[in-house]
Protein backbone atom coordinates (compact mmCIF):
# COMPACT_ATOMS: atom_id res chain seq x y z
CA MET A 1 -70.47 1.46 -26.56
CA ALA A 2 -69.40 0.62 -22.58
CA ASP A 3 -70.33 3.14 -20.10
CA ILE A 4 -67.32 5.06 -18.87
CA ARG A 5 -67.32 5.09 -15.06
CA VAL A 6 -65.40 7.62 -13.12
CA MET A 7 -64.55 6.77 -9.56
CA ARG A 8 -64.47 9.51 -7.14
CA GLU A 9 -60.84 8.83 -6.05
CA ASP A 10 -60.39 9.57 -10.26
CA LEU A 11 -61.24 13.43 -9.35
CA LEU A 12 -58.82 13.71 -6.56
CA PRO A 13 -55.42 15.64 -7.06
CA PRO A 14 -52.32 13.18 -6.74
CA GLN A 15 -50.88 12.77 -3.41
CA GLN A 16 -48.03 14.44 -2.15
CA PRO A 17 -45.24 12.22 -1.67
CA PRO A 18 -44.34 11.21 1.93
CA ARG A 19 -41.96 13.82 3.69
CA ARG A 20 -37.91 12.13 3.45
CA HIS A 21 -36.14 12.11 6.55
CA LEU A 22 -32.99 10.87 7.68
CA ILE A 23 -33.59 9.14 11.26
CA SER A 24 -31.40 5.89 11.00
CA ILE A 25 -28.86 4.53 8.73
CA GLY A 26 -31.83 1.66 8.26
CA ASP A 27 -33.60 4.34 6.16
CA LEU A 28 -30.72 4.04 3.31
CA GLU A 29 -29.51 1.70 0.88
CA ARG A 30 -26.12 1.36 -0.49
CA ASP A 31 -27.26 3.36 -3.62
CA ASP A 32 -28.46 6.10 -1.38
CA VAL A 33 -24.57 6.15 0.78
CA GLU A 34 -22.66 6.49 -2.31
CA ARG A 35 -25.22 9.17 -3.57
CA LEU A 36 -24.70 11.25 -0.58
CA LEU A 37 -20.72 10.57 -0.68
CA GLY A 38 -20.57 11.67 -4.19
CA THR A 39 -22.43 15.05 -3.21
CA ALA A 40 -20.43 15.67 -0.30
CA ARG A 41 -17.48 15.40 -2.67
CA SER A 42 -18.85 18.06 -4.99
CA PHE A 43 -19.57 20.69 -2.30
CA GLY A 44 -15.56 19.69 -0.96
CA ARG A 45 -14.39 20.91 -4.25
CA SER A 46 -17.06 24.09 -3.90
CA LEU A 47 -15.53 25.19 -0.65
CA GLU A 48 -12.09 25.02 -1.92
CA ARG A 49 -13.20 28.55 -3.37
CA GLU A 50 -12.52 31.60 -2.15
CA VAL A 51 -16.44 32.54 -1.69
CA LYS A 52 -17.46 29.59 -0.34
CA LYS A 53 -21.06 30.47 -0.23
CA LEU A 54 -23.40 28.74 -2.60
CA PRO A 55 -27.03 29.77 -3.37
CA THR A 56 -28.47 26.46 -3.56
CA LEU A 57 -31.01 26.30 -0.75
CA ARG A 58 -31.69 30.26 -0.73
CA GLY A 59 -35.11 30.84 0.69
CA ARG A 60 -35.08 27.75 2.85
CA THR A 61 -35.25 27.41 6.61
CA VAL A 62 -33.67 24.92 8.83
CA ILE A 63 -34.04 24.51 12.78
CA ASN A 64 -31.65 23.00 14.51
CA MET A 65 -33.13 21.43 18.04
CA PHE A 66 -30.59 20.66 20.37
CA PHE A 67 -31.27 19.13 23.73
CA GLU A 68 -27.83 17.52 24.26
CA SER A 69 -24.49 19.11 24.67
CA SER A 70 -23.11 19.47 21.11
CA THR A 71 -19.82 21.32 19.58
CA ARG A 72 -19.19 19.28 16.59
CA THR A 73 -22.56 17.97 15.53
CA ALA A 74 -24.74 21.34 15.95
CA SER A 75 -21.92 23.67 14.53
CA SER A 76 -21.38 21.62 11.68
CA PHE A 77 -25.21 21.57 11.09
CA GLU A 78 -25.52 25.32 11.36
CA LEU A 79 -22.43 26.42 8.87
CA ALA A 80 -23.86 23.68 6.44
CA ALA A 81 -27.01 25.48 6.05
CA LYS A 82 -25.47 28.83 6.07
CA ARG A 83 -22.87 27.61 3.33
CA LEU A 84 -26.14 26.75 1.04
CA SER A 85 -27.57 30.28 1.74
CA ALA A 86 -30.67 28.70 3.98
CA ASP A 87 -32.33 30.53 6.86
CA THR A 88 -30.89 29.18 10.26
CA MET A 89 -32.31 29.10 13.83
CA THR A 90 -30.97 26.71 16.73
CA VAL A 91 -33.24 25.75 19.88
CA ARG A 92 -31.45 24.71 22.86
CA SER A 93 -33.35 23.01 25.95
CA ALA A 94 -31.55 25.72 28.37
CA GLY A 95 -33.58 28.74 28.00
CA SER A 96 -36.66 27.60 26.06
CA SER A 97 -39.86 26.54 27.24
CA MET A 98 -39.12 23.01 28.10
CA ASP A 99 -37.21 24.64 30.96
CA LYS A 100 -40.88 25.39 32.22
CA GLY A 101 -42.18 21.99 31.58
CA GLU A 102 -43.21 22.24 28.03
CA SER A 103 -43.05 18.41 25.81
CA LEU A 104 -41.23 17.64 23.02
CA LYS A 105 -44.16 17.57 20.81
CA ASP A 106 -45.66 20.86 22.05
CA THR A 107 -42.16 22.51 21.34
CA ALA A 108 -42.07 20.83 18.10
CA LEU A 109 -45.67 21.97 17.05
CA THR A 110 -44.38 25.60 17.92
CA LEU A 111 -41.42 25.46 15.80
CA ALA A 112 -43.98 24.16 12.94
CA ALA A 113 -45.74 27.30 13.16
CA PHE A 114 -42.63 29.03 11.71
CA ASP A 115 -42.81 26.44 8.75
CA PRO A 116 -39.47 25.25 8.64
CA ASP A 117 -38.55 23.41 5.55
CA VAL A 118 -35.90 20.91 7.82
CA ILE A 119 -35.72 20.57 11.70
CA VAL A 120 -32.35 18.76 12.84
CA ILE A 121 -32.94 17.32 16.24
CA ARG A 122 -31.02 15.95 18.99
CA HIS A 123 -32.36 14.65 22.07
CA GLU A 124 -31.34 11.80 24.89
CA GLN A 125 -34.54 10.11 24.61
CA ILE A 126 -34.55 6.97 21.92
CA GLY A 127 -37.14 7.88 19.44
CA ALA A 128 -37.33 11.44 20.09
CA PRO A 129 -36.94 12.00 15.67
CA GLN A 130 -39.82 9.55 15.14
CA LEU A 131 -42.32 11.95 17.27
CA VAL A 132 -41.07 15.05 15.90
CA ALA A 133 -41.64 13.68 12.87
CA SER A 134 -45.41 12.51 13.23
CA VAL A 135 -46.34 16.20 14.18
CA VAL A 136 -44.82 18.38 11.84
CA ASP A 137 -44.63 18.71 7.87
CA ALA A 138 -40.69 19.41 7.71
CA HIS A 139 -38.14 16.66 6.82
CA ILE A 140 -36.20 15.46 10.00
CA VAL A 141 -32.91 14.76 10.39
CA ASN A 142 -31.48 12.76 13.48
CA ALA A 143 -28.69 14.30 14.80
CA GLY A 144 -28.39 11.85 17.60
CA ASP A 145 -31.29 9.87 19.87
CA GLY A 146 -29.78 8.73 23.18
CA LYS A 147 -27.83 5.51 22.33
CA HIS A 148 -29.75 4.62 19.54
CA GLN A 149 -28.62 6.22 16.57
CA HIS A 150 -26.35 9.04 14.61
CA PRO A 151 -26.68 8.46 10.80
CA THR A 152 -24.95 12.30 9.65
CA GLN A 153 -22.17 10.70 11.86
CA ALA A 154 -21.48 7.14 10.20
CA LEU A 155 -21.86 9.37 7.01
CA LEU A 156 -19.00 11.55 7.85
CA ASP A 157 -16.99 8.42 9.13
CA LEU A 158 -17.67 6.86 6.02
CA TYR A 159 -16.73 9.96 3.93
CA THR A 160 -13.59 10.20 5.68
CA MET A 161 -12.54 6.54 5.31
CA GLN A 162 -13.16 6.90 1.54
CA GLU A 163 -10.96 10.05 0.98
CA GLU A 164 -8.04 8.22 3.27
CA PHE A 165 -7.97 4.91 1.68
CA GLY A 166 -9.75 5.66 -1.71
CA ARG A 167 -12.12 2.92 -1.15
CA LEU A 168 -14.97 1.42 1.98
CA GLU A 169 -15.25 -2.26 0.50
CA GLY A 170 -13.03 -4.28 2.24
CA LEU A 171 -11.64 -2.11 5.13
CA HIS A 172 -11.48 -3.43 8.08
CA VAL A 173 -12.17 -1.08 10.95
CA ALA A 174 -12.01 -2.12 14.80
CA ILE A 175 -14.55 -0.18 17.13
CA VAL A 176 -12.89 0.05 20.47
CA GLY A 177 -14.82 1.07 23.69
CA ASP A 178 -18.21 1.73 24.88
CA VAL A 179 -19.99 0.19 22.53
CA LEU A 180 -22.96 -0.54 24.93
CA HIS A 181 -24.07 3.44 25.01
CA SER A 182 -22.85 4.35 21.88
CA ARG A 183 -25.48 5.76 19.35
CA VAL A 184 -22.54 6.05 16.80
CA ALA A 185 -21.13 2.70 17.09
CA ARG A 186 -24.41 1.31 16.01
CA SER A 187 -24.74 3.94 13.02
CA ASP A 188 -21.21 2.74 11.85
CA ILE A 189 -21.65 -0.77 12.39
CA GLN A 190 -24.83 -1.15 10.09
CA ALA A 191 -23.15 1.73 7.43
CA LEU A 192 -19.90 -0.12 7.00
CA ALA A 193 -21.62 -3.02 6.82
CA LEU A 194 -23.46 -1.61 4.09
CA VAL A 195 -20.88 -0.80 2.00
CA GLY A 196 -19.15 -3.94 2.57
CA ALA A 197 -16.27 -2.88 5.30
CA HIS A 198 -15.95 -5.37 7.98
CA VAL A 199 -15.97 -4.49 11.46
CA THR A 200 -14.84 -6.06 14.72
CA VAL A 201 -15.97 -4.60 17.85
CA VAL A 202 -13.39 -4.35 20.83
CA GLY A 203 -13.76 -3.98 24.64
CA PRO A 204 -14.49 -5.52 28.09
CA PRO A 205 -17.54 -7.51 28.20
CA THR A 206 -19.45 -5.37 30.40
CA LEU A 207 -19.79 -2.61 27.58
CA ILE A 208 -20.42 -5.22 24.61
CA PRO A 209 -23.90 -5.68 23.99
CA ARG A 210 -25.06 -8.90 23.62
CA GLY A 211 -26.39 -9.51 19.92
CA ILE A 212 -24.63 -7.00 18.53
CA GLU A 213 -23.45 -9.38 15.73
CA ALA A 214 -26.97 -9.31 14.22
CA LEU A 215 -25.88 -5.63 12.88
CA GLY A 216 -22.89 -6.92 11.01
CA CYS A 217 -20.24 -7.43 12.93
CA SER A 218 -17.65 -9.61 14.84
CA VAL A 219 -16.74 -8.85 18.51
CA SER A 220 -13.38 -9.53 20.32
CA TYR A 221 -12.92 -8.91 24.25
CA ASP A 222 -9.10 -8.84 23.22
CA ILE A 223 -7.29 -5.76 22.80
CA ASP A 224 -4.92 -7.42 20.54
CA ALA A 225 -7.52 -7.45 17.89
CA ILE A 226 -6.84 -3.84 16.66
CA ALA A 227 -3.94 -4.78 15.27
CA ALA A 228 -5.58 -6.47 12.09
CA ALA A 229 -7.59 -3.31 11.40
CA ASP A 230 -7.09 -0.82 8.62
CA VAL A 231 -8.97 1.75 11.12
CA VAL A 232 -8.90 1.84 14.88
CA TYR A 233 -12.16 3.59 15.83
CA VAL A 234 -11.63 5.14 19.70
CA LEU A 235 -15.08 5.68 21.81
CA ARG A 236 -15.50 7.56 24.82
CA MET A 237 -17.05 6.40 28.21
CA GLN A 238 -20.49 7.45 27.89
CA ASN A 239 -20.96 8.22 31.62
CA GLU A 240 -23.93 10.02 30.89
CA ARG A 241 -25.89 7.14 29.74
CA MET A 242 -24.55 4.46 32.34
CA GLU A 243 -27.69 3.44 34.91
CA LYS A 244 -26.35 4.49 38.16
CA GLY A 245 -25.16 1.86 40.33
CA GLN A 246 -23.86 -0.47 37.85
CA ALA A 247 -20.18 -1.43 38.19
CA TYR A 248 -19.38 -1.55 34.66
CA LEU A 249 -15.63 -1.46 35.26
CA PRO A 250 -13.10 -1.75 38.38
CA SER A 251 -12.02 1.74 37.52
CA ILE A 252 -11.41 4.39 34.84
CA ARG A 253 -7.41 3.75 35.39
CA GLU A 254 -7.72 0.16 35.24
CA TYR A 255 -9.80 1.02 31.52
CA ALA A 256 -7.16 3.21 30.29
CA SER A 257 -4.57 0.54 31.45
CA HIS A 258 -6.22 -2.52 29.84
CA TRP A 259 -8.35 -0.44 26.70
CA GLY A 260 -6.39 2.65 25.97
CA ILE A 261 -5.09 3.10 22.72
CA THR A 262 -1.53 4.10 23.01
CA PRO A 263 1.26 3.92 20.91
CA ALA A 264 2.42 0.37 21.46
CA ARG A 265 -0.64 -1.05 20.82
CA LEU A 266 -0.93 0.80 17.44
CA ARG A 267 0.96 -0.40 14.07
CA PRO A 268 3.07 2.09 11.79
CA GLY A 269 0.68 3.63 9.24
CA GLN A 270 -2.62 2.47 10.86
CA LYS A 271 -5.37 5.22 11.08
CA VAL A 272 -7.50 6.67 14.29
CA MET A 273 -10.59 7.96 14.45
CA HIS A 274 -12.45 8.99 17.34
CA PRO A 275 -16.22 10.97 16.76
CA GLY A 276 -15.25 13.15 20.00
CA PRO A 277 -15.19 14.85 22.54
CA MET A 278 -12.22 12.89 23.77
CA ASN A 279 -11.04 11.85 27.15
CA ARG A 280 -7.34 12.36 26.52
CA GLY A 281 -5.25 9.81 28.92
CA VAL A 282 -8.61 7.15 29.35
CA GLU A 283 -9.67 6.23 25.87
CA ILE A 284 -6.32 7.62 23.88
CA ASP A 285 -3.31 8.50 24.57
CA PRO A 286 -2.41 12.36 23.78
CA ARG A 287 0.65 10.88 21.66
CA VAL A 288 -2.14 9.07 19.48
CA ALA A 289 -4.25 12.20 19.79
CA ASP A 290 -2.07 13.95 18.05
CA SER A 291 -0.13 11.66 15.94
CA VAL A 292 -0.08 12.31 11.63
CA ASP A 293 -2.57 9.09 11.92
CA ALA A 294 -4.90 10.21 13.58
CA LEU A 295 -8.19 11.74 11.41
CA VAL A 296 -9.97 13.35 14.16
CA GLU A 297 -9.53 16.98 12.63
CA THR A 298 -10.80 15.27 9.20
CA GLN A 299 -13.59 13.83 10.41
CA VAL A 300 -14.72 17.56 11.77
CA ARG A 301 -14.19 19.03 8.13
CA SER A 302 -15.80 16.10 6.86
CA GLY A 303 -18.98 16.44 9.23
CA LEU A 304 -19.61 20.16 7.23
CA VAL A 305 -19.83 18.82 3.69
CA ILE A 306 -21.47 15.48 4.43
CA ARG A 307 -24.25 17.67 6.38
CA MET A 308 -24.35 19.90 3.43
CA ALA A 309 -24.87 16.79 1.12
CA VAL A 310 -27.86 15.95 3.75
CA LEU A 311 -29.47 18.95 3.89
CA TYR A 312 -29.39 19.61 -0.09
CA ASP A 313 -30.66 15.88 -0.68
CA LEU A 314 -33.47 16.22 1.28
CA LEU A 315 -34.38 19.56 -0.03
CA THR A 316 -34.26 18.90 -3.82
CA GLY A 317 -35.85 15.65 -4.25
CA GLY A 318 -32.80 13.17 -3.51
CA PRO A 319 -31.18 11.65 -6.77
CA VAL A 320 -32.89 13.95 -9.31
CA GLY A 321 -31.29 17.22 -7.57
CA VAL A 322 -27.77 15.45 -7.07
CA ARG A 323 -28.05 14.68 -10.78
CA ALA A 324 -28.66 18.65 -11.33
CA LEU A 325 -25.52 19.29 -9.02
CA ALA A 326 -23.47 16.96 -11.19
CA ALA A 327 -24.70 18.53 -14.20
CA ALA A 328 -23.83 22.34 -13.00
CA GLU A 329 -20.59 20.86 -11.76
CA VAL A 330 -19.97 19.99 -15.47
CA ALA A 331 -21.26 22.99 -17.05
C-alpha cells in the first residue's frame, strides 16, 4: 500500500477570501456593473413603499470618512446605510485628530478599532483608499480620491441613463468641460466604454489630458461636437485642483462664452447631466439647468439606490447575495 503523506498545509483551515472593495471602475467587469444596476433597481422599487427602511444590513457598521467637502455623496452614502438598517458614523477632517497632524493611516487604524464592516472614504490625495485598504480589515469604497476615480458616481450616472433611455449599449455621451482635473470624467469614460456606449470628451485643449483616448473615448476641441450626443454631461471648473500660476483659460467669462452649455447649443430632447455642484452661468446656463431635459435631480435620487446596491453587494457576497435578493422579491 502506498504511503499517504499529509502535508502541513493540508492541516490548515481554508483561508478567508480577500476582502472585496470598490476603489476604481477598473475593479469591475461588465457583469458586475449590470448586477449592481439590477440590484439598485430592486432597491428603487422598495423605496416606493410607505416604509422605506429594510432590515438587510442590520448589525453592520458603515463608517464614512469624508476629508473633502461633499453634500450629495456624503448624504447619500449615510442615508443608503440607514435605509438598509446599518449603523453609521461620519468622520470629517475638520474637528478630527487630523487637524492636529495625525496621519491618514493612524486615523484609519483608530476607526478600525471599532470593527467597521465598510469604510467609505473621500480624500484629496490619489491613492488614499488603497492606503486605508492596506491597513484595515473592512471593505473599502472610494467616494472620490483627488482627480483619480469616483466609481459610485459613474454607476449612478449609468443607472440614470439606463432608466431614461432603456439602454446603455450604443448611447453617445459628450463629456464637456474640465476633463483634466475630473475624477468623474475618468470613471464615467471607463464605465460607459465597459457597457458599450460611446464617449466624446469636449473642451479647450488645456483642459483635456493627453492620451485620454486610451480610456476608450474620442476627443474634440469644438463645442459643436455635442450636437450628435444623446447626453451632454457637463463638468464644472475644478479650481481647487488647478496648479497655482497655471493659465488654463484666459478668463471664466471667456470659458462661459465658448464652452458653456446654453439652450442654443442643444437640440430638442437632448438630455443634460451634471455631477454637481453646478456653477450656474459658467459651465451651464440656468435655463438649461432648470429645463425638463436636465437629469440632475434624477442623478441625486439614483445615487441613493446605487450606494445601497454597492453596500449590499460588498456585504452579502456579491452575486450570491444579489440572487438571494431577487429570490426574496419573487417570494
